Amino acid sequence: MQLAIPPGPFGAYLFDCDGTLADTMPLHYRAWRATLDPLGAEFPEDFFYGIGGTPTARIVEILNERNGITMPIDLTARTKSVAFVALLAEARPIDEVMTLARRAIDAGEKVAVVTGGMRWVTDRILEVIGAGGIFATVVTSEDVVRGKPAPDCYLEAARRLAVSPADCLVFEDTRTGIEAATAAGMRSVLVPRPR
């Protein structure tokens, strides 16, 4: 995997979790299918990848609008998250990105995980891929009012790390995440989907 990293230096390195640090996007889709199929809700795979990075509750809202149904937002999001966690034993780190994150941490750089996921799920993912406890700063969907593609989560990470947004480098795997980083005034690296 080749990553197009812009020249630094940078004051902080911010990593998305799903699809960036962890190869979990196919597991998320399987969990969505397990949650939605009994309800008859359509969620085409290409659309799923197109809105990757969007917080789970917001995805339920979008699916309600697209399907003309009224799935309960919190319950559906929780059901999907439980289904996803049941699949987590299959998760693997994305080695190239994890190597960069570990190098930055070992060098004493400011590093954070910034995700549209829920904290309890993010903590489990990091544990499974061998990164539990290595990130001192983790910003999740519960820490902000607006999720990606709004810049709130990235701005919150910069605030917690006491770094100017312009000095942050973001690693993201989705258009939604790149839009959030750009809106925050940060440079970014697009992580391609693992083969």
C-alpha atoms as a PDB file:
ATOM      1  CA  MET A   1       0.000   0.000   0.000  1.00  0.00           C
ATOM      2  CA  GLN A   2       1.392   3.376  -1.037  1.00  0.00           C
ATOM      3  CA  LEU A   3       0.402   6.397   1.029  1.00  0.00           C
ATOM      4  CA  ALA A   4       0.873   9.891  -0.427  1.00  0.00           C
ATOM      5  CA  ILE A   5       2.144  11.710   2.669  1.00  0.00           C
ATOM      6  CA  PRO A   6       2.668  15.460   2.242  1.00  0.00           C
ATOM      7  CA  PRO A   7       5.905  17.001   3.483  1.00  0.00           C
ATOM      8  CA  GLY A   8       5.897  17.996   7.159  1.00  0.00           C
ATOM      9  CA  PRO A   9       6.664  18.679   9.823  1.00  0.00           C
ATOM     10  CA  PHE A  10       3.294  18.300  11.541  1.00  0.00           C
ATOM     11  CA  GLY A  11       2.281  19.103  15.093  1.00  0.00           C
ATOM     12  CA  ALA A  12      -0.092  16.145  15.374  1.00  0.00           C
ATOM     13  CA  TYR A  13      -1.159  13.010  13.527  1.00  0.00           C
ATOM     14  CA  LEU A  14      -4.859  12.120  13.588  1.00  0.00           C
ATOM     15  CA  PHE A  15      -6.030   8.652  12.566  1.00  0.00           C
ATOM     16  CA  ASP A  16      -9.510   7.488  11.697  1.00  0.00           C
ATOM     17  CA  CYS A  17     -10.187   3.999  13.071  1.00  0.00           C
ATOM     18  CA  ASP A  18     -12.388   1.849  10.801  1.00  0.00           C
ATOM     19  CA  GLY A  19     -10.817   1.331   7.390  1.00  0.00           C
ATOM     20  CA  THR A  20      -7.727   3.324   8.382  1.00  0.00           C
ATOM     21  CA  LEU A  21      -6.126   1.716  11.445  1.00  0.00           C
ATOM     22  CA  ALA A  22      -8.324  -1.391  11.302  1.00  0.00           C
ATOM     23  CA  ASP A  23      -9.544  -3.418   8.344  1.00  0.00           C
ATOM     24  CA  THR A  24     -13.129  -3.524   9.599  1.00  0.00           C
ATOM     25  CA  MET A  25     -15.296  -2.031   6.856  1.00  0.00           C
ATOM     26  CA  PRO A  26     -16.375  -5.419   5.427  1.00  0.00           C
ATOM     27  CA  LEU A  27     -17.335  -6.473   8.956  1.00  0.00           C
ATOM     28  CA  HIS A  28     -19.394  -3.316   9.386  1.00  0.00           C
ATOM     29  CA  TYR A  29     -21.264  -4.067   6.188  1.00  0.00           C
ATOM     30  CA  ARG A  30     -22.000  -7.619   7.304  1.00  0.00           C
ATOM     31  CA  ALA A  31     -23.312  -6.246  10.619  1.00  0.00           C
ATOM     32  CA  TRP A  32     -25.535  -3.763   8.789  1.00  0.00           C
ATOM     33  CA  ARG A  33     -26.944  -6.561   6.622  1.00  0.00           C
ATOM     34  CA  ALA A  34     -27.636  -8.725   9.682  1.00  0.00           C
ATOM     35  CA  THR A  35     -29.459  -5.789  11.292  1.00  0.00           C
ATOM     36  CA  LEU A  36     -31.363  -4.546   8.256  1.00  0.00           C
ATOM     37  CA  ASP A  37     -32.330  -7.709   6.359  1.00  0.00           C
ATOM     38  CA  PRO A  38     -35.017  -8.736   8.895  1.00  0.00           C
ATOM     39  CA  LEU A  39     -36.465  -5.218   8.592  1.00  0.00           C
ATOM     40  CA  GLY A  40     -36.490  -5.230   4.793  1.00  0.00           C
ATOM     41  CA  ALA A  41     -34.279  -2.140   4.586  1.00  0.00           C
ATOM     42  CA  GLU A  42     -32.107  -1.754   1.489  1.00  0.00           C
ATOM     43  CA  PHE A  43     -28.461  -0.725   1.936  1.00  0.00           C
ATOM     44  CA  PRO A  44     -26.468  -1.362  -1.262  1.00  0.00           C
ATOM     45  CA  GLU A  45     -22.782  -2.040  -0.656  1.00  0.00           C
ATOM     46  CA  ASP A  46     -21.580   0.764  -2.940  1.00  0.00           C
ATOM     47  CA  PHE A  47     -23.774   3.232  -1.024  1.00  0.00           C
ATOM     48  CA  PHE A  48     -22.383   1.878   2.275  1.00  0.00           C
ATOM     49  CA  TYR A  49     -18.811   2.592   1.169  1.00  0.00           C
ATOM     50  CA  GLY A  50     -19.875   5.970  -0.210  1.00  0.00           C
ATOM     51  CA  ILE A  51     -21.048   7.168   3.202  1.00  0.00           C
ATOM     52  CA  GLY A  52     -18.292   5.479   5.195  1.00  0.00           C
ATOM     53  CA  GLY A  53     -17.221   7.524   8.192  1.00  0.00           C
ATOM     54  CA  THR A  54     -20.749   8.755   8.891  1.00  0.00           C
ATOM     55  CA  PRO A  55     -21.820   8.151  12.512  1.00  0.00           C
ATOM     56  CA  THR A  56     -24.017   5.061  12.976  1.00  0.00           C
ATOM     57  CA  ALA A  57     -27.088   6.948  14.224  1.00  0.00           C
ATOM     58  CA  ARG A  58     -26.928   9.284  11.227  1.00  0.00           C
ATOM     59  CA  ILE A  59     -26.731   6.271   8.884  1.00  0.00           C
ATOM     60  CA  VAL A  60     -29.970   4.963  10.406  1.00  0.00           C
ATOM     61  CA  GLU A  61     -31.593   8.350   9.722  1.00  0.00           C
ATOM     62  CA  ILE A  62     -30.350   8.264   6.108  1.00  0.00           C
ATOM     63  CA  LEU A  63     -31.610   4.704   5.630  1.00  0.00           C
ATOM     64  CA  ASN A  64     -35.010   5.649   7.060  1.00  0.00           C
ATOM     65  CA  GLU A  65     -35.231   8.481   4.524  1.00  0.00           C
ATOM     66  CA  ARG A  66     -34.064   6.306   1.600  1.00  0.00           C
ATOM     67  CA  ASN A  67     -36.314   3.364   2.453  1.00  0.00           C
ATOM     68  CA  GLY A  68     -39.367   5.331   3.610  1.00  0.00           C
ATOM     69  CA  ILE A  69     -39.373   3.541   6.979  1.00  0.00           C
ATOM     70  CA  THR A  70     -39.056   4.510  10.646  1.00  0.00           C
ATOM     71  CA  MET A  71     -36.470   2.260  12.273  1.00  0.00           C
ATOM     72  CA  PRO A  72     -35.845   3.476  15.843  1.00  0.00           C
ATOM     73  CA  ILE A  73     -32.529   5.295  15.588  1.00  0.00           C
ATOM     74  CA  ASP A  74     -30.880   4.452  18.917  1.00  0.00           C
ATOM     75  CA  LEU A  75     -32.093   0.846  19.021  1.00  0.00           C
ATOM     76  CA  THR A  76     -31.101   0.150  15.420  1.00  0.00           C
ATOM     77  CA  ALA A  77     -27.673   1.728  15.907  1.00  0.00           C
ATOM     78  CA  ARG A  78     -27.130  -0.301  19.066  1.00  0.00           C
ATOM     79  CA  THR A  79     -28.296  -3.541  17.390  1.00  0.00           C
ATOM     80  CA  LYS A  80     -25.910  -2.956  14.491  1.00  0.00           C
ATOM     81  CA  SER A  81     -23.028  -2.202  16.881  1.00  0.00           C
ATOM     82  CA  VAL A  82     -23.654  -5.402  18.845  1.00  0.00           C
ATOM     83  CA  ALA A  83     -23.727  -7.389  15.580  1.00  0.00           C
ATOM     84  CA  PHE A  84     -20.443  -5.755  14.545  1.00  0.00           C
ATOM     85  CA  VAL A  85     -18.694  -6.478  17.844  1.00  0.00           C
ATOM     86  CA  ALA A  86     -19.708 -10.150  17.460  1.00  0.00           C
ATOM     87  CA  LEU A  87     -17.607 -10.207  14.262  1.00  0.00           C
ATOM     88  CA  LEU A  88     -14.596  -8.374  15.674  1.00  0.00           C
ATOM     89  CA  ALA A  89     -12.429 -11.464  16.121  1.00  0.00           C
ATOM     90  CA  GLU A  90     -11.941 -11.262  12.344  1.00  0.00           C
ATOM     91  CA  ALA A  91     -10.589  -7.676  12.450  1.00  0.00           C
ATOM     92  CA  ARG A  92      -6.981  -7.051  11.499  1.00  0.00           C
ATOM     93  CA  PRO A  93      -4.801  -3.952  11.662  1.00  0.00           C
ATOM     94  CA  ILE A  94      -3.908  -2.136   8.473  1.00  0.00           C
ATOM     95  CA  ASP A  95      -0.218  -2.664   8.977  1.00  0.00           C
ATOM     96  CA  GLU A  96       1.139   0.269   6.977  1.00  0.00           C
ATOM     97  CA  VAL A  97      -1.002   2.770   8.873  1.00  0.00           C
ATOM     98  CA  MET A  98      -0.500   1.144  12.283  1.00  0.00           C
ATOM     99  CA  THR A  99       3.266   1.240  11.691  1.00  0.00           C
ATOM    100  CA  LEU A 100       3.084   4.987  11.055  1.00  0.00           C
ATOM    101  CA  ALA A 101       0.968   5.525  14.155  1.00  0.00           C
ATOM    102  CA  ARG A 102       3.323   3.502  16.360  1.00  0.00           C
ATOM    103  CA  ARG A 103       6.374   5.335  15.008  1.00  0.00           C
ATOM    104  CA  ALA A 104       4.748   8.684  15.769  1.00  0.00           C
ATOM    105  CA  ILE A 105       3.831   7.554  19.292  1.00  0.00           C
ATOM    106  CA  ASP A 106       7.321   6.146  19.908  1.00  0.00           C
ATOM    107  CA  ALA A 107       8.839   9.434  18.702  1.00  0.00           C
ATOM    108  CA  GLY A 108       6.759  11.362  21.245  1.00  0.00           C
ATOM    109  CA  GLU A 109       4.564  13.010  18.618  1.00  0.00           C
ATOM    110  CA  LYS A 110       1.009  14.084  19.408  1.00  0.00           C
ATOM    111  CA  VAL A 111      -1.336  11.402  18.081  1.00  0.00           C
ATOM    112  CA  ALA A 112      -5.086  10.799  18.291  1.00  0.00           C
ATOM    113  CA  VAL A 113      -7.775   8.461  17.022  1.00  0.00           C
ATOM    114  CA  VAL A 114     -10.705  10.394  15.560  1.00  0.00           C
ATOM    115  CA  THR A 115     -13.726   8.301  14.646  1.00  0.00           C
ATOM    116  CA  GLY A 116     -17.413   8.499  13.850  1.00  0.00           C
ATOM    117  CA  GLY A 117     -17.850   5.311  15.877  1.00  0.00           C
ATOM    118  CA  MET A 118     -19.019   4.928  19.461  1.00  0.00           C
ATOM    119  CA  ARG A 119     -16.399   4.828  22.207  1.00  0.00           C
ATOM    120  CA  TRP A 120     -17.182   1.326  23.508  1.00  0.00           C
ATOM    121  CA  VAL A 121     -16.943  -0.077  19.980  1.00  0.00           C
ATOM    122  CA  THR A 122     -13.766   1.864  19.175  1.00  0.00           C
ATOM    123  CA  ASP A 123     -12.117   0.626  22.372  1.00  0.00           C
ATOM    124  CA  ARG A 124     -12.929  -2.971  21.397  1.00  0.00           C
ATOM    125  CA  ILE A 125     -11.550  -2.505  17.867  1.00  0.00           C
ATOM    126  CA  LEU A 126      -8.280  -1.070  19.183  1.00  0.00           C
ATOM    127  CA  GLU A 127      -7.934  -3.955  21.632  1.00  0.00           C
ATOM    128  CA  VAL A 128      -8.532  -6.580  18.933  1.00  0.00           C
ATOM    129  CA  ILE A 129      -5.917  -5.092  16.568  1.00  0.00           C
ATOM    130  CA  GLY A 130      -3.322  -4.865  19.333  1.00  0.00           C
ATOM    131  CA  ALA A 131      -3.565  -1.116  19.861  1.00  0.00           C
ATOM    132  CA  GLY A 132      -5.506  -1.007  23.119  1.00  0.00           C
ATOM    133  CA  GLY A 133      -4.246   1.783  25.362  1.00  0.00           C
ATOM    134  CA  ILE A 134      -1.565   3.147  23.013  1.00  0.00           C
ATOM    135  CA  PHE A 135      -3.568   6.226  21.968  1.00  0.00           C
ATOM    136  CA  ALA A 136      -3.839   8.739  24.809  1.00  0.00           C
ATOM    137  CA  THR A 137      -6.412  10.790  22.892  1.00  0.00           C
ATOM    138  CA  VAL A 138      -9.505   9.237  21.311  1.00  0.00           C
ATOM    139  CA  VAL A 139     -12.350  11.372  19.954  1.00  0.00           C
ATOM    140  CA  THR A 140     -15.592   9.534  19.120  1.00  0.00           C
ATOM    141  CA  SER A 141     -19.072  10.453  17.917  1.00  0.00           C
ATOM    142  CA  GLU A 142     -20.166  10.953  21.528  1.00  0.00           C
ATOM    143  CA  ASP A 143     -17.653  13.790  21.984  1.00  0.00           C
ATOM    144  CA  VAL A 144     -19.150  16.139  19.378  1.00  0.00           C
ATOM    145  CA  VAL A 145     -22.555  17.422  18.311  1.00  0.00           C
ATOM    146  CA  ARG A 146     -21.996  16.990  14.575  1.00  0.00           C
ATOM    147  CA  GLY A 147     -20.270  13.956  13.079  1.00  0.00           C
ATOM    148  CA  LYS A 148     -18.243  13.698   9.882  1.00  0.00           C
ATOM    149  CA  PRO A 149     -18.343  15.309   7.313  1.00  0.00           C
ATOM    150  CA  ALA A 150     -18.607  18.229   9.759  1.00  0.00           C
ATOM    151  CA  PRO A 151     -15.161  19.198  11.077  1.00  0.00           C
ATOM    152  CA  ASP A 152     -16.136  19.015  14.767  1.00  0.00           C
ATOM    153  CA  CYS A 153     -14.355  15.766  15.667  1.00  0.00           C
ATOM    154  CA  TYR A 154     -11.071  16.855  14.100  1.00  0.00           C
ATOM    155  CA  LEU A 155     -11.262  20.295  15.686  1.00  0.00           C
ATOM    156  CA  GLU A 156     -11.926  18.645  19.054  1.00  0.00           C
ATOM    157  CA  ALA A 157      -8.848  16.423  18.631  1.00  0.00           C
ATOM    158  CA  ALA A 158      -6.698  19.464  17.793  1.00  0.00           C
ATOM    159  CA  ARG A 159      -8.078  21.273  20.846  1.00  0.00           C
ATOM    160  CA  ARG A 160      -7.307  18.331  23.144  1.00  0.00           C
ATOM    161  CA  LEU A 161      -3.791  18.043  21.735  1.00  0.00           C
ATOM    162  CA  ALA A 162      -3.258  21.838  21.910  1.00  0.00           C
ATOM    163  CA  VAL A 163      -2.224  21.974  18.248  1.00  0.00           C
ATOM    164  CA  SER A 164      -3.399  24.350  15.528  1.00  0.00           C
ATOM    165  CA  PRO A 165      -5.657  22.572  13.029  1.00  0.00           C
ATOM    166  CA  ALA A 166      -3.371  23.741  10.211  1.00  0.00           C
ATOM    167  CA  ASP A 167      -0.534  21.762  11.811  1.00  0.00           C
ATOM    168  CA  CYS A 168      -2.428  18.445  11.856  1.00  0.00           C
ATOM    169  CA  LEU A 169      -2.151  15.591   9.372  1.00  0.00           C
ATOM    170  CA  VAL A 170      -5.200  13.338   9.068  1.00  0.00           C
ATOM    171  CA  PHE A 171      -5.282   9.731   7.841  1.00  0.00           C
ATOM    172  CA  GLU A 172      -8.701   8.754   6.455  1.00  0.00           C
ATOM    173  CA  ASP A 173     -10.176   6.080   4.203  1.00  0.00           C
ATOM    174  CA  THR A 174     -13.434   7.780   3.152  1.00  0.00           C
ATOM    175  CA  ARG A 175     -14.570  10.830   1.247  1.00  0.00           C
ATOM    176  CA  THR A 176     -16.671  11.776   4.293  1.00  0.00           C
ATOM    177  CA  GLY A 177     -13.599  11.757   6.514  1.00  0.00           C
ATOM    178  CA  ILE A 178     -11.470  13.698   4.035  1.00  0.00           C
ATOM    179  CA  GLU A 179     -14.247  16.315   3.805  1.00  0.00           C
ATOM    180  CA  ALA A 180     -14.254  16.612   7.605  1.00  0.00           C
ATOM    181  CA  ALA A 181     -10.469  17.065   7.710  1.00  0.00           C
ATOM    182  CA  THR A 182     -10.551  19.644   4.915  1.00  0.00           C
ATOM    183  CA  ALA A 183     -13.372  21.553   6.623  1.00  0.00           C
ATOM    184  CA  ALA A 184     -11.212  21.612   9.771  1.00  0.00           C
ATOM    185  CA  GLY A 185      -8.365  23.203   7.800  1.00  0.00           C
ATOM    186  CA  MET A 186      -6.160  20.099   8.011  1.00  0.00           C
ATOM    187  CA  ARG A 187      -4.130  18.277   5.405  1.00  0.00           C
ATOM    188  CA  SER A 188      -4.979  14.642   4.858  1.00  0.00           C
ATOM    189  CA  VAL A 189      -3.830  11.311   3.489  1.00  0.00           C
ATOM    190  CA  LEU A 190      -6.317   9.008   1.764  1.00  0.00           C
ATOM    191  CA  VAL A 191      -5.832   5.395   2.873  1.00  0.00           C
ATOM    192  CA  PRO A 192      -6.885   3.018   0.074  1.00  0.00           C
ATOM    193  CA  ARG A 193      -9.192   0.126   0.837  1.00  0.00           C
ATOM    194  CA  PRO A 194      -7.170  -3.017   1.615  1.00  0.00           C
ATOM    195  CA  ARG A 195      -7.396  -5.682  -1.072  1.00  0.00           C
END
